[in-house]
Protein backbone atom coordinates (compact mmCIF):
# COMPACT_ATOMS: atom_id res chain seq x y z
CA MET A 1 117.25 103.46 127.10
CA TYR A 2 115.97 106.43 125.16
CA GLU A 3 117.78 109.62 126.11
CA ASP A 4 114.80 111.79 125.27
CA TYR A 5 112.35 109.70 127.31
CA ASP A 6 109.92 111.95 129.17
CA PRO A 7 107.64 110.35 131.78
CA GLY A 8 105.59 113.55 131.66
CA ILE A 9 104.17 112.31 128.38
CA LEU A 10 102.46 109.61 130.45
CA ASN A 11 100.69 112.23 132.64
CA ASP A 12 102.98 111.84 135.64
CA PHE A 13 104.49 115.25 134.96
CA GLY A 14 108.05 113.98 135.16
CA GLY A 15 107.67 112.16 138.48
CA GLY A 16 108.67 108.82 137.00
CA ASN A 17 105.67 106.89 138.37
CA VAL A 18 104.57 105.01 135.28
CA GLY A 19 103.43 101.78 136.92
CA TRP A 20 99.94 102.18 135.46
CA TRP A 21 101.46 102.31 131.98
CA MET A 22 103.47 99.15 132.61
CA ASP A 23 100.29 97.40 133.83
CA TYR A 24 98.52 98.47 130.65
CA LEU A 25 101.37 97.19 128.47
CA ARG A 26 101.47 93.86 130.33
CA ALA A 27 97.71 93.45 129.82
CA GLU A 28 98.02 94.24 126.10
CA ILE A 29 100.92 91.81 125.68
CA GLU A 30 98.92 89.10 127.46
CA ARG A 31 95.90 89.80 125.24
CA CYS A 32 98.07 89.60 122.11
CA ASN A 33 99.69 86.37 123.26
CA GLU A 34 96.25 84.82 123.84
CA HIS A 35 95.15 85.94 120.38
CA TRP A 36 98.21 84.50 118.63
CA ASN A 37 98.07 81.29 120.65
CA ASP A 38 94.48 80.87 119.40
CA GLN A 39 95.68 81.54 115.84
CA ILE A 40 98.39 78.89 116.18
CA LEU A 41 95.88 76.40 117.59
CA ASN A 42 93.44 77.07 114.75
CA SER A 43 96.27 76.74 112.24
CA SER A 44 97.36 73.40 113.65
CA GLU A 45 93.73 72.18 113.59
CA ARG A 46 93.50 73.15 109.91
CA SER A 47 96.76 71.31 109.31
CA VAL A 48 95.32 68.16 110.92
CA HIS A 49 92.18 68.43 108.75
CA THR A 50 94.38 68.79 105.67
CA GLN A 51 96.43 65.75 106.64
CA VAL A 52 93.28 63.69 107.19
CA ARG A 53 91.86 64.81 103.86
CA ASN A 54 95.12 63.98 102.09
CA ALA A 55 95.33 60.58 103.81
CA SER A 56 91.80 59.74 102.70
CA GLY A 57 92.71 60.26 99.06
CA VAL A 58 93.66 62.99 96.67
CA ALA A 59 90.86 65.35 95.70
CA SER A 60 89.59 64.91 92.18
CA ASP A 61 90.20 67.58 89.58
CA GLU A 62 86.53 68.57 89.80
CA GLN A 63 86.75 68.95 93.59
CA ASN A 64 89.85 71.10 93.20
CA LYS A 65 88.05 73.25 90.62
CA ASP A 66 85.04 73.62 92.93
CA MET A 67 87.28 74.69 95.82
CA SER A 68 89.04 77.17 93.57
CA ASP A 69 85.73 78.58 92.26
CA TYR A 70 84.44 78.92 95.82
CA SER A 71 87.60 80.69 96.96
CA ILE A 72 87.50 83.15 94.06
CA SER A 73 83.78 83.80 94.54
CA LEU A 74 84.21 84.38 98.27
CA GLN A 75 87.01 86.84 97.55
CA ARG A 76 84.77 88.68 95.06
CA ALA A 77 81.92 88.71 97.60
CA ILE A 78 84.19 90.31 100.18
CA GLU A 79 85.29 92.91 97.63
CA TYR A 80 81.63 93.79 96.94
CA TYR A 81 80.98 94.03 100.69
CA CYS A 82 84.00 96.32 101.22
CA ARG A 83 82.66 98.63 98.51
CA GLY A 84 79.25 98.68 100.20
CA LYS A 85 77.56 96.82 97.34
CA ILE A 86 75.19 93.86 97.49
CA VAL A 87 76.76 90.59 96.33
CA PRO A 88 75.35 89.59 92.89
CA ASP A 89 73.39 86.39 92.29
CA ASP A 90 76.13 84.62 90.31
CA ILE A 91 78.38 84.73 93.39
CA LEU A 92 75.48 83.83 95.71
CA LYS A 93 75.03 80.56 93.77
CA ILE A 94 78.64 79.48 94.38
CA CYS A 95 79.05 80.52 98.02
CA PRO A 96 75.54 81.15 99.33
CA HIS A 97 76.24 81.01 103.06
CA HIS A 98 79.05 83.57 103.25
CA ALA A 99 77.65 85.85 100.54
CA THR A 100 74.28 85.96 102.30
CA MET A 101 75.98 86.82 105.59
CA LEU A 102 77.80 89.72 103.92
CA ASN A 103 74.59 90.96 102.28
CA ASN A 104 72.74 90.78 105.60
CA LYS A 105 75.42 92.89 107.25
CA LEU A 106 75.05 95.50 104.53
CA LYS A 107 71.27 95.45 104.92
CA ARG A 108 71.67 95.41 108.74
CA VAL A 109 69.40 92.37 109.02
């Protein structure tokens, strides 16, 4: 227990009634647990997709290069978006869907 704990900080003026704060913390912990459970579920789904893809055969060198190019282009598109700049056409050609979405957000379409 913290020796310098002061319930007055929680607007109970030292009365020690901090039940509302505990309710708030419980709700936040529950919300965080739901979020991370969703993340774990999504991660395991991605893992299953990867296993299926690997079981169906190894990707060709060209497919690997395409995935790498797409990943790099998407990263560059996000960097442009974070700087408030429109994504250039050379990136739009490689990852049109995501780059267009970022541009539309900048343009508020």
